[in-house]
Amino acid sequence: METHLLTEYVQSSPILLTPEERDALARLVPSLSVAPATGTDDAYVLTPGAEVGVTVVGEHRFVIQPKVSIDRLLFLLSYALDRAAFPPVSTDLPEADRLLAAVVPGFLHQLGSALSRGVLQGYVSVEDSLLTVRGRLRIEDQIRDRFGSFPPAEVRFDDYTEDIELNRMLKAAVRRLLRLAGVPTRYRHGLRAFEETLGNVADVEYHRDVLPRFVWTRLNDHYRHAIALSRLILRSCSFDIGVAGLRASAFLVNMNEVFEDFVVKALRQALKLSDRDFPQGATGKALRLDELNRIRLRPDISWWSHRDCLFVGDVKYKRITPAGFPNADIYQMLAYVIAADLPGGLLIYAAGEQLPAVHTIRHSGKTVEIIALDLAEPPEAILEQIDGIAKRIRELRDLTTVRAPALAQAVM
């Protein structure tokens, strides 16, 4: 198998691909730009986007490396996943193999911890046709489907079972890894053992963008880290069977999502705030740009006191420059600031994407401040930078709380 090393946002040299391999690669990695190489009919130039990891298409193995080291990526991932720890990864492995080599054994470890007390059970609502009545009779269904005759009885009842959503997610993640090319045999044995342990759980195919959320209690909290890694696996693994049975699979991590998740959770911890007061994407909050409340805004980070927004900001791993809109991030941030009626807001970039600056917007008096977070630093230094950003957020929050009484007095 031929291995091709690529780097996020860096154009590759020409690579020979059949039309089937080219199409499978494009379907599997939508963020990857595939363009014909000049002067050839069968070679292509590949430019990865923000997704990094490993993709196998037929006899080709494409390794998309992040600009930061894999060790740094694992630190960001671990922090973002509720501090779900990855075991130490051998430094003898090449960087290209260390991401999967960390995720798979980490998931096995967390699975073992979650299922050490046995498979969690819970109540689920079941609708069935039975010879005897159990639970409640579904009168409408009985009349429509059975014309009112008995048996069978159309019933609805609660069943205490292992076949609950938490276990379905764990099993789905196990099955995804078993289908994934490149998972070492020594890990497949453990995955198959856990698949057997979850044998009474239904097989569910989850879409990466529609994954269930859970409320954690003392009864299910021991599942938290295993579910966090399941979520990562289900969002990262994808498969494609192309023309003539060409098989392709990928394990890809989106650096935009990793960076945003890390910054949100690290700032939340540094500020000692809950996810209700410092939500990601303004979840559960109403931030509207227009008077009719039709234009809803979802800033990555914001600080709230009940219904009042005290601070607003956004997190950008990569500077976005759509054609004709070179300052789109500034426009977006300004919309947040106006909607929240705040004096200013904060844009947090990964270092190298934008220089730190403070932009004062004409005729409004509002500011958009840019801060860069250097991911090349050691983890301790990155967290020190987070503390500095948290301090600046408090200062911006204080400007808001000082301004509010002054505005109230001016109105009087």
Protein backbone atom coordinates (compact mmCIF):
# COMPACT_ATOMS: atom_id res chain seq x y z
CA MET A 1 0.00 0.00 0.00
CA GLU A 2 1.35 3.41 -0.99
CA THR A 3 1.36 6.10 1.71
CA HIS A 4 1.00 9.81 0.85
CA LEU A 5 1.82 12.41 3.52
CA LEU A 6 -0.28 15.57 3.31
CA THR A 7 -0.53 18.63 5.56
CA GLU A 8 -3.67 20.64 6.29
CA TYR A 9 -4.14 23.57 3.89
CA VAL A 10 -0.90 22.70 2.01
CA GLN A 11 -1.02 21.70 -1.66
CA SER A 12 0.48 18.29 -2.47
CA SER A 13 2.66 17.27 -5.38
CA PRO A 14 0.81 15.39 -8.20
CA ILE A 15 -0.53 11.95 -7.18
CA LEU A 16 -1.60 9.24 -9.65
CA LEU A 17 -5.21 8.16 -9.08
CA THR A 18 -7.79 6.26 -11.09
CA PRO A 19 -11.12 8.03 -11.65
CA GLU A 20 -12.73 5.63 -9.14
CA GLU A 21 -10.09 6.39 -6.49
CA ARG A 22 -10.39 10.12 -7.14
CA ASP A 23 -14.18 10.06 -6.76
CA ALA A 24 -14.11 7.88 -3.63
CA LEU A 25 -11.55 10.20 -2.03
CA ALA A 26 -13.65 13.27 -2.84
CA ARG A 27 -16.79 11.66 -1.37
CA LEU A 28 -15.00 10.50 1.76
CA VAL A 29 -13.17 13.76 2.49
CA PRO A 30 -15.44 16.64 1.31
CA SER A 31 -13.05 19.25 2.73
CA LEU A 32 -10.24 17.97 0.47
CA SER A 33 -9.71 19.85 -2.78
CA VAL A 34 -8.93 17.45 -5.65
CA ALA A 35 -7.71 19.22 -8.81
CA PRO A 36 -6.16 17.80 -12.01
CA ALA A 37 -2.41 18.33 -12.22
CA THR A 38 -1.38 20.52 -15.14
CA GLY A 39 -0.43 18.60 -18.26
CA THR A 40 -1.66 15.15 -17.08
CA ASP A 41 -4.81 13.07 -17.37
CA ASP A 42 -4.37 10.77 -14.37
CA ALA A 43 -2.55 12.83 -11.71
CA TYR A 44 -4.18 15.11 -9.17
CA VAL A 45 -3.10 17.81 -6.74
CA LEU A 46 -4.67 17.45 -3.29
CA THR A 47 -5.17 20.32 -0.84
CA PRO A 48 -6.57 19.25 2.55
CA GLY A 49 -8.88 21.45 4.59
CA ALA A 50 -9.26 21.38 8.37
CA GLU A 51 -9.75 17.60 8.63
CA VAL A 52 -6.69 15.63 9.73
CA GLY A 53 -6.15 11.90 10.15
CA VAL A 54 -5.90 8.82 7.93
CA THR A 55 -7.86 7.86 4.80
CA VAL A 56 -7.45 4.56 2.95
CA VAL A 57 -8.74 4.32 -0.63
CA GLY A 58 -8.00 1.03 -2.37
CA GLU A 59 -4.22 0.65 -2.26
CA HIS A 60 -3.58 4.29 -1.29
CA ARG A 61 -3.17 5.53 2.26
CA PHE A 62 -3.49 9.30 2.73
CA VAL A 63 -2.19 10.74 5.99
CA ILE A 64 -3.31 14.34 6.59
CA GLN A 65 -1.13 15.85 9.28
CA PRO A 66 -2.03 18.94 11.32
CA LYS A 67 0.27 21.92 11.36
CA VAL A 68 0.71 21.42 15.10
CA SER A 69 2.34 18.26 16.44
CA ILE A 70 0.20 15.17 17.07
CA ASP A 71 1.09 15.44 20.77
CA ARG A 72 -0.40 18.92 20.85
CA LEU A 73 -3.50 17.73 18.98
CA LEU A 74 -3.95 14.92 21.53
CA PHE A 75 -3.69 17.46 24.34
CA LEU A 76 -6.40 19.63 22.76
CA LEU A 77 -8.60 16.59 22.13
CA SER A 78 -8.18 15.24 25.65
CA TYR A 79 -9.08 18.60 27.18
CA ALA A 80 -12.04 19.08 24.87
CA LEU A 81 -13.41 15.59 25.60
CA ASP A 82 -14.16 16.29 29.27
CA ARG A 83 -10.51 15.47 30.06
CA ALA A 84 -11.05 11.89 28.88
CA ALA A 85 -7.43 10.77 29.15
CA PHE A 86 -5.58 9.00 26.36
CA PRO A 87 -2.93 6.49 27.44
CA PRO A 88 0.70 7.37 26.62
CA VAL A 89 1.49 6.76 22.95
CA SER A 90 4.82 5.23 21.99
CA THR A 91 7.22 7.80 20.61
CA ASP A 92 8.60 5.03 18.37
CA LEU A 93 5.50 5.37 16.21
CA PRO A 94 5.63 7.85 13.33
CA GLU A 95 3.53 10.98 13.90
CA ALA A 96 1.17 9.86 11.14
CA ASP A 97 0.06 6.81 13.17
CA ARG A 98 -0.12 8.33 16.64
CA LEU A 99 -3.62 9.81 16.45
CA LEU A 100 -5.38 6.49 15.84
CA ALA A 101 -2.89 4.76 18.18
CA ALA A 102 -4.10 7.06 20.97
CA VAL A 103 -7.83 7.08 20.28
CA VAL A 104 -8.40 3.32 19.97
CA PRO A 105 -6.67 2.15 23.19
CA GLY A 106 -8.07 5.20 24.98
CA PHE A 107 -11.56 4.17 23.94
CA LEU A 108 -10.93 0.56 25.02
CA HIS A 109 -9.73 1.79 28.42
CA GLN A 110 -12.79 4.00 28.92
CA LEU A 111 -15.11 1.21 27.73
CA GLY A 112 -13.60 -1.15 30.27
CA SER A 113 -14.11 1.42 33.01
CA ALA A 114 -17.70 2.15 31.98
CA LEU A 115 -18.73 -1.51 31.73
CA SER A 116 -16.81 -2.76 34.77
CA ARG A 117 -20.04 -2.59 36.83
CA GLY A 118 -21.98 -4.38 34.12
CA VAL A 119 -23.96 -3.03 31.18
CA LEU A 120 -26.12 -0.11 32.30
CA GLN A 121 -29.87 -0.69 32.13
CA GLY A 122 -32.75 1.74 31.91
CA TYR A 123 -36.41 2.08 31.06
CA VAL A 124 -37.50 2.50 27.45
CA SER A 125 -40.99 2.87 26.03
CA VAL A 126 -41.97 -0.09 23.83
CA GLU A 127 -44.90 -0.45 21.44
CA ASP A 128 -45.77 -4.03 20.52
CA SER A 129 -48.51 -6.49 19.56
CA LEU A 130 -48.97 -9.09 22.33
CA LEU A 131 -51.33 -11.95 23.08
CA THR A 132 -51.93 -10.48 26.55
CA VAL A 133 -52.32 -6.90 27.72
CA ARG A 134 -49.18 -5.38 29.21
CA GLY A 135 -48.90 -1.73 30.20
CA ARG A 136 -51.43 0.48 28.40
CA LEU A 137 -53.68 -0.47 25.50
CA ARG A 138 -53.29 1.70 22.38
CA ILE A 139 -57.00 2.07 21.69
CA GLU A 140 -56.69 4.00 18.41
CA ASP A 141 -54.21 1.49 16.98
CA GLN A 142 -56.36 -1.41 18.18
CA ILE A 143 -59.40 -0.04 16.35
CA ARG A 144 -57.49 1.03 13.20
CA ASP A 145 -55.29 -2.05 12.77
CA ARG A 146 -57.36 -4.79 14.49
CA PHE A 147 -60.88 -3.39 14.05
CA GLY A 148 -61.25 -3.61 17.83
CA SER A 149 -60.78 -7.40 18.01
CA PHE A 150 -58.55 -9.24 20.55
CA PRO A 151 -55.96 -10.78 20.53
CA PRO A 152 -53.39 -9.58 19.71
CA ALA A 153 -53.42 -6.42 21.80
CA GLU A 154 -51.70 -3.23 20.64
CA VAL A 155 -49.92 -2.09 23.80
CA ARG A 156 -47.36 0.39 25.07
CA PHE A 157 -45.23 -0.41 28.12
CA ASP A 158 -41.93 0.49 29.80
CA ASP A 159 -39.22 -2.15 29.60
CA TYR A 160 -36.11 -2.28 31.83
CA THR A 161 -33.37 -3.20 29.37
CA GLU A 162 -29.75 -2.83 28.26
CA ASP A 163 -30.99 -1.54 24.89
CA ILE A 164 -30.76 2.15 25.80
CA GLU A 165 -29.27 5.07 23.86
CA LEU A 166 -26.07 5.20 25.92
CA ASN A 167 -25.23 1.58 25.10
CA ARG A 168 -26.29 2.02 21.47
CA MET A 169 -23.73 4.80 21.07
CA LEU A 170 -20.98 2.71 22.63
CA LYS A 171 -21.78 -0.24 20.37
CA ALA A 172 -22.00 1.96 17.27
CA ALA A 173 -18.51 3.35 18.01
CA VAL A 174 -17.12 -0.17 18.53
CA ARG A 175 -18.56 -1.33 15.21
CA ARG A 176 -17.22 1.73 13.37
CA LEU A 177 -13.69 0.99 14.58
CA LEU A 178 -14.00 -2.67 13.59
CA ARG A 179 -14.82 -1.56 10.02
CA LEU A 180 -12.00 0.95 9.90
CA ALA A 181 -8.85 0.10 7.94
CA GLY A 182 -5.61 0.45 9.90
CA VAL A 183 -6.81 -0.56 13.39
CA PRO A 184 -4.16 -2.99 14.71
CA THR A 185 -5.18 -6.62 15.28
CA ARG A 186 -4.29 -6.43 18.98
CA TYR A 187 -7.04 -3.83 19.45
CA ARG A 188 -9.60 -5.65 17.29
CA HIS A 189 -9.74 -8.53 19.78
CA GLY A 190 -10.72 -6.13 22.56
CA LEU A 191 -13.27 -4.38 20.36
CA ARG A 192 -14.91 -7.69 19.43
CA ALA A 193 -15.09 -8.66 23.10
CA PHE A 194 -16.95 -5.44 23.91
CA GLU A 195 -19.21 -5.94 20.89
CA GLU A 196 -20.18 -9.30 22.38
CA THR A 197 -20.72 -7.74 25.82
CA LEU A 198 -23.18 -5.33 24.17
CA GLY A 199 -24.88 -8.16 22.27
CA ASN A 200 -28.34 -7.33 23.65
CA VAL A 201 -28.09 -3.77 22.35
CA ALA A 202 -29.54 -2.79 18.97
CA ASP A 203 -27.24 -1.82 16.10
CA VAL A 204 -27.85 1.84 15.25
CA GLU A 205 -26.15 3.86 12.50
CA TYR A 206 -25.68 7.43 13.72
CA HIS A 207 -25.11 10.44 11.47
CA ARG A 208 -22.07 12.42 12.60
CA ASP A 209 -24.10 15.64 12.83
CA VAL A 210 -27.06 14.14 14.72
CA LEU A 211 -25.67 12.53 17.85
CA PRO A 212 -27.77 12.35 21.04
CA ARG A 213 -26.94 14.39 24.12
CA PHE A 214 -27.29 13.04 27.63
CA VAL A 215 -28.05 14.36 31.10
CA TRP A 216 -25.43 13.03 33.50
CA THR A 217 -26.50 11.74 36.90
CA ARG A 218 -24.86 9.68 39.62
CA LEU A 219 -26.35 6.59 37.95
CA ASN A 220 -24.73 7.07 34.54
CA ASP A 221 -21.78 9.40 35.17
CA HIS A 222 -19.32 6.49 34.88
CA TYR A 223 -20.22 6.36 31.17
CA ARG A 224 -19.26 9.99 30.56
CA HIS A 225 -15.70 9.55 29.22
CA ALA A 226 -16.56 6.49 27.11
CA ILE A 227 -19.44 8.42 25.54
CA ALA A 228 -17.15 11.41 24.90
CA LEU A 229 -14.78 9.18 22.93
CA SER A 230 -17.71 7.44 21.22
CA ARG A 231 -18.88 10.84 20.03
CA LEU A 232 -15.40 11.57 18.63
CA ILE A 233 -15.26 8.21 16.85
CA LEU A 234 -18.76 8.53 15.36
CA ARG A 235 -17.94 12.04 14.13
CA SER A 236 -14.56 10.96 12.71
CA CYS A 237 -15.09 7.56 11.04
CA SER A 238 -16.61 7.35 7.57
CA PHE A 239 -16.79 4.73 4.83
CA ASP A 240 -17.40 4.50 1.10
CA ILE A 241 -17.86 1.59 -1.31
CA GLY A 242 -17.39 2.97 -4.79
CA VAL A 243 -17.49 1.57 -8.31
CA ALA A 244 -16.42 -2.07 -8.68
CA GLY A 245 -16.43 -2.51 -4.90
CA LEU A 246 -13.52 -0.12 -4.28
CA ARG A 247 -13.41 0.15 -0.49
CA ALA A 248 -12.47 3.32 1.31
CA SER A 249 -12.49 4.40 4.94
CA ALA A 250 -11.35 7.38 6.94
CA PHE A 251 -10.67 8.51 10.48
CA LEU A 252 -10.61 12.29 10.32
CA VAL A 253 -10.70 14.88 13.08
CA ASN A 254 -11.94 18.38 12.28
CA MET A 255 -9.42 20.88 13.63
CA ASN A 256 -12.01 23.69 13.61
CA GLU A 257 -14.19 21.68 16.00
CA VAL A 258 -11.26 20.54 18.17
CA PHE A 259 -9.94 24.09 18.56
CA GLU A 260 -13.36 25.55 19.35
CA ASP A 261 -14.22 22.79 21.85
CA PHE A 262 -10.87 23.19 23.58
CA VAL A 263 -11.08 26.98 23.87
CA VAL A 264 -14.67 26.91 25.14
CA LYS A 265 -14.03 24.28 27.81
CA ALA A 266 -10.67 25.70 28.89
CA LEU A 267 -12.12 29.22 29.21
CA ARG A 268 -15.16 27.89 31.06
CA GLN A 269 -12.85 26.24 33.56
CA ALA A 270 -10.57 29.31 33.87
CA LEU A 271 -13.58 31.58 34.46
CA LYS A 272 -15.19 29.04 36.83
CA LEU A 273 -18.49 29.24 34.94
CA SER A 274 -21.12 26.65 34.10
CA ASP A 275 -22.19 25.76 30.58
CA ARG A 276 -25.45 27.60 31.31
CA ASP A 277 -23.64 30.89 32.01
CA PHE A 278 -20.92 30.33 29.40
CA PRO A 279 -22.64 28.29 26.64
CA GLN A 280 -21.07 27.12 23.41
CA GLY A 281 -22.90 28.47 20.39
CA ALA A 282 -25.25 30.45 22.66
CA THR A 283 -27.17 27.23 23.35
CA GLY A 284 -30.35 27.97 25.26
CA LYS A 285 -29.96 31.74 24.78
CA ALA A 286 -31.76 34.16 22.49
CA LEU A 287 -29.43 36.53 20.65
CA ARG A 288 -31.23 38.23 17.74
CA LEU A 289 -29.94 40.82 15.30
CA ASP A 290 -33.22 42.32 14.05
CA GLU A 291 -36.22 43.91 15.74
CA LEU A 292 -38.56 41.14 14.58
CA ASN A 293 -36.27 38.49 16.10
CA ARG A 294 -35.92 36.61 12.82
CA ILE A 295 -32.13 36.61 12.59
CA ARG A 296 -30.70 34.39 15.32
CA LEU A 297 -26.99 34.57 16.08
CA ARG A 298 -24.89 31.81 17.63
CA PRO A 299 -21.50 33.13 18.81
CA ASP A 300 -19.04 30.44 19.86
CA ILE A 301 -18.53 31.97 23.31
CA SER A 302 -20.68 34.27 25.41
CA TRP A 303 -21.18 35.10 29.10
CA TRP A 304 -24.72 35.47 30.39
CA SER A 305 -26.46 36.56 33.55
CA HIS A 306 -29.97 35.19 33.12
CA ARG A 307 -31.16 36.89 29.89
CA ASP A 308 -28.44 39.54 29.80
CA CYS A 309 -25.39 38.96 27.61
CA LEU A 310 -22.30 40.33 29.38
CA PHE A 311 -19.65 39.28 26.86
CA VAL A 312 -19.53 37.87 23.35
CA GLY A 313 -16.73 36.34 21.30
CA ASP A 314 -15.88 33.90 18.53
CA VAL A 315 -13.22 31.23 18.02
CA LYS A 316 -11.46 30.74 14.66
CA TYR A 317 -8.92 28.02 13.99
CA LYS A 318 -8.58 29.23 10.41
CA ARG A 319 -9.14 32.73 9.08
CA ILE A 320 -12.05 32.64 6.64
CA THR A 321 -11.69 34.85 3.57
CA PRO A 322 -14.59 34.25 1.16
CA ALA A 323 -14.16 35.80 -2.28
CA GLY A 324 -15.03 39.48 -2.06
CA PHE A 325 -15.25 39.44 1.76
CA PRO A 326 -11.68 39.63 3.13
CA ASN A 327 -12.89 40.73 6.60
CA ALA A 328 -15.83 38.35 7.01
CA ASP A 329 -14.81 37.41 10.57
CA ILE A 330 -14.84 41.09 11.61
CA TYR A 331 -18.29 41.59 10.08
CA GLN A 332 -19.58 38.53 11.90
CA MET A 333 -18.14 39.69 15.22
CA LEU A 334 -19.59 43.17 14.76
CA ALA A 335 -23.05 41.63 14.26
CA TYR A 336 -22.67 39.79 17.59
CA VAL A 337 -21.61 42.96 19.39
CA ILE A 338 -24.52 44.97 17.97
CA ALA A 339 -27.08 42.27 18.76
CA ALA A 340 -25.83 41.96 22.34
CA ASP A 341 -25.59 45.78 22.70
CA LEU A 342 -22.04 45.52 24.03
CA PRO A 343 -19.14 47.97 23.63
CA GLY A 344 -16.88 45.30 22.11
CA GLY A 345 -16.15 41.64 21.51
CA LEU A 346 -13.25 39.23 21.18
CA LEU A 347 -12.00 37.12 18.26
CA ILE A 348 -9.69 34.27 19.25
CA TYR A 349 -7.53 32.80 16.48
CA ALA A 350 -4.94 30.05 16.39
CA ALA A 351 -1.58 31.82 16.14
CA GLY A 352 -0.41 32.43 12.59
CA GLU A 353 -3.88 33.12 11.22
CA GLN A 354 -4.20 36.75 12.31
CA LEU A 355 -2.06 39.27 14.18
CA PRO A 356 -3.37 40.60 17.52
CA ALA A 357 -5.15 43.91 17.03
CA VAL A 358 -7.97 46.14 18.27
CA HIS A 359 -10.31 47.50 15.59
CA THR A 360 -12.50 50.47 16.51
CA ILE A 361 -15.53 50.52 14.20
CA ARG A 362 -16.39 53.90 12.66
CA HIS A 363 -19.58 55.71 13.74
CA SER A 364 -20.38 53.08 16.36
CA GLY A 365 -17.73 53.34 19.05
CA LYS A 366 -17.63 49.54 19.20
CA THR A 367 -14.42 47.52 19.11
CA VAL A 368 -13.43 44.10 17.82
CA GLU A 369 -10.35 42.78 19.57
CA ILE A 370 -8.21 39.98 18.10
CA ILE A 371 -6.14 37.62 20.24
CA ALA A 372 -3.92 34.78 18.97
CA LEU A 373 -3.47 31.50 20.84
CA ASP A 374 -0.11 29.83 20.14
CA LEU A 375 -0.69 26.07 19.89
CA ALA A 376 3.02 25.34 19.34
CA GLU A 377 3.70 26.04 23.02
CA PRO A 378 3.78 23.26 25.65
CA PRO A 379 0.41 22.42 27.26
CA GLU A 380 1.22 24.37 30.44
CA ALA A 381 2.02 27.47 28.39
CA ILE A 382 -1.18 27.09 26.35
CA LEU A 383 -3.22 27.01 29.56
CA GLU A 384 -1.36 30.11 30.79
CA GLN A 385 -2.45 31.85 27.56
CA ILE A 386 -6.02 30.71 28.29
CA ASP A 387 -5.76 32.30 31.74
CA GLY A 388 -4.66 35.55 30.09
CA ILE A 389 -7.63 35.44 27.71
CA ALA A 390 -9.96 34.72 30.64
CA LYS A 391 -8.58 37.81 32.41
CA ARG A 392 -9.30 39.92 29.32
CA ILE A 393 -12.84 38.51 29.13
CA ARG A 394 -13.43 39.54 32.75
CA GLU A 395 -12.24 43.04 31.89
CA LEU A 396 -14.65 43.24 28.96
CA ARG A 397 -17.44 41.91 31.18
CA ASP A 398 -16.64 44.57 33.78
CA LEU A 399 -16.93 47.29 31.12
CA THR A 400 -20.45 46.06 30.45
CA THR A 401 -21.51 45.98 34.11
CA VAL A 402 -20.07 49.47 34.73
CA ARG A 403 -21.75 50.84 31.60
CA ALA A 404 -25.23 49.55 32.48
CA PRO A 405 -25.79 51.71 35.62
CA ALA A 406 -24.41 54.73 33.79
CA LEU A 407 -26.91 54.24 30.95
CA ALA A 408 -29.75 53.83 33.42
CA GLN A 409 -28.80 57.08 35.17
CA ALA A 410 -28.58 58.92 31.81
CA VAL A 411 -32.12 57.80 30.94
CA MET A 412 -33.40 59.15 34.27
